[in-house]
Amino acid sequence: MARIKKPLHKSHAVHQKTKTATHKSPKEWRYAPLKGSFMVLAIVGFFTSAYLILPKSTNYGIAFMFLFILMFIASMISMTKAPIVE
């Protein structure tokens, strides 16, 4: 004789239905205001990686340069899109 599985609680079965039926829209992207020193660090780090690390280790040099480029792009986005903090 086949046994039918029952949900543990009635609320569990109801919750599964409402979970899939309720769909929230994603929140709007918020830009974080970053300090000017973040951009300076990105520029200095990029040139340090290019002149000191890249000749000794190509893999580390490229990885650090990529990281500092991403930091610079983040600071540019922050500079143009973030709200003004007083």
N, C-alpha and C. Protein backbone atom coordinates (compact mmCIF):
# COMPACT_ATOMS: atom_id res chain seq x y z
N MET A 1 0.85 -1.17 0.00
CA MET A 1 0.00 0.00 0.00
C MET A 1 0.90 1.24 0.00
N ALA A 2 0.66 2.17 -0.93
CA ALA A 2 1.46 3.38 -1.05
C ALA A 2 1.04 4.40 -0.02
N ARG A 3 2.01 4.99 0.60
CA ARG A 3 1.73 5.97 1.63
C ARG A 3 1.90 7.38 1.05
N ILE A 4 0.95 8.26 1.29
CA ILE A 4 0.99 9.62 0.79
C ILE A 4 1.69 10.49 1.81
N LYS A 5 2.68 11.29 1.34
CA LYS A 5 3.39 12.20 2.23
C LYS A 5 2.55 13.44 2.47
N LYS A 6 2.43 13.80 3.71
CA LYS A 6 1.71 15.02 4.08
C LYS A 6 2.73 16.07 4.48
N PRO A 7 2.43 17.34 4.25
CA PRO A 7 3.34 18.38 4.72
C PRO A 7 3.41 18.39 6.24
N LEU A 8 4.53 18.83 6.77
CA LEU A 8 4.72 18.85 8.21
C LEU A 8 3.66 19.70 8.90
N HIS A 9 3.43 20.88 8.38
CA HIS A 9 2.42 21.78 8.93
C HIS A 9 1.61 22.35 7.78
N LYS A 10 0.42 22.79 8.11
CA LYS A 10 -0.41 23.40 7.08
C LYS A 10 0.21 24.71 6.61
N SER A 11 0.83 25.43 7.52
CA SER A 11 1.44 26.71 7.16
C SER A 11 2.58 26.50 6.17
N HIS A 12 3.25 25.36 6.24
CA HIS A 12 4.34 25.07 5.33
C HIS A 12 3.82 24.94 3.90
N ALA A 13 2.73 24.28 3.72
CA ALA A 13 2.15 24.12 2.39
C ALA A 13 1.65 25.47 1.85
N VAL A 14 1.04 26.27 2.71
CA VAL A 14 0.54 27.58 2.30
C VAL A 14 1.72 28.49 1.96
N HIS A 15 2.76 28.42 2.77
CA HIS A 15 3.93 29.27 2.57
C HIS A 15 4.58 28.97 1.22
N GLN A 16 4.65 27.71 0.83
CA GLN A 16 5.23 27.35 -0.46
C GLN A 16 4.46 27.98 -1.61
N LYS A 17 3.14 28.03 -1.50
CA LYS A 17 2.33 28.61 -2.56
C LYS A 17 2.53 30.12 -2.62
N THR A 18 2.51 30.78 -1.47
CA THR A 18 2.64 32.24 -1.46
C THR A 18 4.05 32.67 -1.80
N LYS A 19 5.01 31.82 -1.52
CA LYS A 19 6.39 32.16 -1.81
C LYS A 19 6.61 32.31 -3.32
N THR A 20 6.04 31.43 -4.08
CA THR A 20 6.21 31.51 -5.52
C THR A 20 5.28 32.53 -6.14
N ALA A 21 4.14 32.77 -5.53
CA ALA A 21 3.17 33.70 -6.10
C ALA A 21 3.59 35.16 -5.87
N THR A 22 4.23 35.44 -4.74
CA THR A 22 4.64 36.81 -4.43
C THR A 22 6.02 37.05 -5.03
N HIS A 23 6.11 38.05 -5.90
CA HIS A 23 7.39 38.36 -6.53
C HIS A 23 7.67 39.85 -6.34
N LYS A 24 8.74 40.14 -5.62
CA LYS A 24 9.11 41.53 -5.38
C LYS A 24 10.06 41.99 -6.47
N SER A 25 9.91 43.22 -6.87
CA SER A 25 10.83 43.77 -7.86
C SER A 25 12.16 44.08 -7.17
N PRO A 26 13.26 43.98 -7.91
CA PRO A 26 14.56 44.25 -7.29
C PRO A 26 14.68 45.71 -6.87
N LYS A 27 15.45 45.91 -5.81
CA LYS A 27 15.65 47.27 -5.31
C LYS A 27 16.51 48.07 -6.27
N GLU A 28 16.30 49.37 -6.27
CA GLU A 28 17.06 50.25 -7.13
C GLU A 28 18.51 50.30 -6.66
N TRP A 29 19.44 50.33 -7.61
CA TRP A 29 20.87 50.36 -7.30
C TRP A 29 21.22 51.70 -6.66
N ARG A 30 21.94 51.65 -5.55
CA ARG A 30 22.36 52.86 -4.87
C ARG A 30 23.87 52.99 -4.95
N TYR A 31 24.32 54.16 -5.30
CA TYR A 31 25.75 54.41 -5.43
C TYR A 31 26.31 54.92 -4.11
N ALA A 32 27.49 54.42 -3.75
CA ALA A 32 28.11 54.83 -2.50
C ALA A 32 29.07 55.98 -2.74
N PRO A 33 29.02 57.02 -1.94
CA PRO A 33 30.00 58.09 -2.10
C PRO A 33 31.36 57.64 -1.55
N LEU A 34 32.38 57.72 -2.38
CA LEU A 34 33.73 57.31 -1.98
C LEU A 34 34.61 58.54 -1.82
N LYS A 35 35.62 58.42 -1.00
CA LYS A 35 36.53 59.54 -0.75
C LYS A 35 37.49 59.72 -1.91
N GLY A 36 38.07 60.89 -1.99
CA GLY A 36 39.05 61.18 -3.03
C GLY A 36 40.32 60.36 -2.88
N SER A 37 40.64 60.00 -1.64
CA SER A 37 41.84 59.20 -1.41
C SER A 37 41.71 57.80 -2.02
N PHE A 38 40.50 57.33 -2.20
CA PHE A 38 40.27 56.03 -2.85
C PHE A 38 40.75 56.09 -4.30
N MET A 39 40.45 57.20 -4.99
CA MET A 39 40.90 57.36 -6.37
C MET A 39 42.41 57.52 -6.44
N VAL A 40 42.98 58.28 -5.53
CA VAL A 40 44.44 58.46 -5.50
C VAL A 40 45.13 57.12 -5.25
N LEU A 41 44.61 56.33 -4.34
CA LEU A 41 45.16 55.01 -4.06
C LEU A 41 45.10 54.12 -5.29
N ALA A 42 44.00 54.20 -6.04
CA ALA A 42 43.87 53.40 -7.26
C ALA A 42 44.91 53.79 -8.30
N ILE A 43 45.14 55.09 -8.46
CA ILE A 43 46.12 55.56 -9.44
C ILE A 43 47.54 55.17 -9.03
N VAL A 44 47.87 55.44 -7.78
CA VAL A 44 49.22 55.12 -7.28
C VAL A 44 49.44 53.60 -7.31
N GLY A 45 48.44 52.84 -6.92
CA GLY A 45 48.57 51.38 -6.94
C GLY A 45 48.74 50.83 -8.34
N PHE A 46 48.06 51.43 -9.31
CA PHE A 46 48.20 50.97 -10.70
C PHE A 46 49.63 51.20 -11.19
N PHE A 47 50.15 52.42 -10.97
CA PHE A 47 51.50 52.70 -11.45
C PHE A 47 52.56 51.90 -10.69
N THR A 48 52.35 51.68 -9.41
CA THR A 48 53.27 50.85 -8.63
C THR A 48 53.26 49.42 -9.17
N SER A 49 52.09 48.91 -9.47
CA SER A 49 52.00 47.56 -10.02
C SER A 49 52.65 47.48 -11.39
N ALA A 50 52.46 48.52 -12.20
CA ALA A 50 53.01 48.50 -13.55
C ALA A 50 54.53 48.58 -13.56
N TYR A 51 55.12 49.40 -12.67
CA TYR A 51 56.56 49.62 -12.72
C TYR A 51 57.37 48.72 -11.79
N LEU A 52 56.78 48.28 -10.68
CA LEU A 52 57.56 47.48 -9.73
C LEU A 52 57.20 46.00 -9.72
N ILE A 53 55.91 45.69 -9.81
CA ILE A 53 55.49 44.29 -9.68
C ILE A 53 55.48 43.57 -11.02
N LEU A 54 55.02 44.23 -12.08
CA LEU A 54 54.89 43.59 -13.39
C LEU A 54 56.21 43.04 -13.94
N PRO A 55 57.33 43.76 -13.82
CA PRO A 55 58.58 43.17 -14.36
C PRO A 55 59.04 41.92 -13.61
N LYS A 56 58.72 41.83 -12.32
CA LYS A 56 59.19 40.69 -11.53
C LYS A 56 58.25 39.49 -11.65
N SER A 57 56.94 39.75 -11.65
CA SER A 57 55.95 38.68 -11.73
C SER A 57 54.79 39.14 -12.61
N THR A 58 54.70 38.56 -13.79
CA THR A 58 53.68 38.99 -14.75
C THR A 58 52.28 38.73 -14.23
N ASN A 59 52.05 37.56 -13.66
CA ASN A 59 50.71 37.21 -13.19
C ASN A 59 50.22 38.14 -12.08
N TYR A 60 51.08 38.36 -11.09
CA TYR A 60 50.70 39.26 -10.00
C TYR A 60 50.56 40.70 -10.49
N GLY A 61 51.43 41.11 -11.38
CA GLY A 61 51.36 42.47 -11.90
C GLY A 61 50.05 42.73 -12.63
N ILE A 62 49.65 41.80 -13.49
CA ILE A 62 48.38 41.96 -14.21
C ILE A 62 47.20 41.91 -13.25
N ALA A 63 47.26 41.02 -12.28
CA ALA A 63 46.15 40.90 -11.32
C ALA A 63 45.99 42.19 -10.50
N PHE A 64 47.10 42.74 -10.01
CA PHE A 64 47.02 43.97 -9.24
C PHE A 64 46.60 45.16 -10.10
N MET A 65 47.09 45.22 -11.33
CA MET A 65 46.68 46.29 -12.22
C MET A 65 45.18 46.23 -12.51
N PHE A 66 44.67 45.03 -12.71
CA PHE A 66 43.24 44.85 -12.93
C PHE A 66 42.44 45.30 -11.71
N LEU A 67 42.91 44.95 -10.53
CA LEU A 67 42.24 45.34 -9.29
C LEU A 67 42.20 46.87 -9.15
N PHE A 68 43.32 47.52 -9.42
CA PHE A 68 43.37 48.98 -9.28
C PHE A 68 42.57 49.68 -10.38
N ILE A 69 42.46 49.08 -11.56
CA ILE A 69 41.59 49.63 -12.60
C ILE A 69 40.14 49.57 -12.15
N LEU A 70 39.74 48.46 -11.55
CA LEU A 70 38.37 48.35 -11.03
C LEU A 70 38.11 49.37 -9.93
N MET A 71 39.09 49.60 -9.08
CA MET A 71 38.94 50.61 -8.04
C MET A 71 38.77 52.00 -8.65
N PHE A 72 39.54 52.29 -9.70
CA PHE A 72 39.45 53.59 -10.36
C PHE A 72 38.08 53.76 -11.02
N ILE A 73 37.58 52.72 -11.68
CA ILE A 73 36.25 52.78 -12.30
C ILE A 73 35.18 53.00 -11.24
N ALA A 74 35.30 52.32 -10.10
CA ALA A 74 34.34 52.52 -9.01
C ALA A 74 34.37 53.95 -8.49
N SER A 75 35.55 54.53 -8.40
CA SER A 75 35.63 55.91 -7.92
C SER A 75 35.06 56.89 -8.95
N MET A 76 35.23 56.60 -10.24
CA MET A 76 34.64 57.46 -11.27
C MET A 76 33.11 57.38 -11.24
N ILE A 77 32.56 56.18 -11.08
CA ILE A 77 31.10 56.03 -10.98
C ILE A 77 30.58 56.74 -9.75
N SER A 78 31.31 56.61 -8.65
CA SER A 78 30.91 57.28 -7.41
C SER A 78 30.94 58.80 -7.57
N MET A 79 31.92 59.29 -8.31
CA MET A 79 32.07 60.73 -8.48
C MET A 79 30.93 61.31 -9.32
N THR A 80 30.43 60.53 -10.28
CA THR A 80 29.40 61.06 -11.16
C THR A 80 27.98 60.74 -10.72
N LYS A 81 27.77 59.62 -10.03
CA LYS A 81 26.41 59.16 -9.73
C LYS A 81 25.98 59.27 -8.28
N ALA A 82 26.92 59.29 -7.35
CA ALA A 82 26.57 59.27 -5.93
C ALA A 82 25.94 60.59 -5.50
N PRO A 83 25.04 60.52 -4.49
CA PRO A 83 24.46 61.76 -3.99
C PRO A 83 25.48 62.60 -3.23
N ILE A 84 25.26 63.88 -3.19
CA ILE A 84 26.17 64.79 -2.50
C ILE A 84 25.95 64.68 -0.99
N VAL A 85 27.02 64.45 -0.26
CA VAL A 85 26.96 64.33 1.19
C VAL A 85 27.42 65.65 1.79
N GLU A 86 26.61 66.20 2.68
CA GLU A 86 26.94 67.49 3.30
C GLU A 86 27.54 67.29 4.67
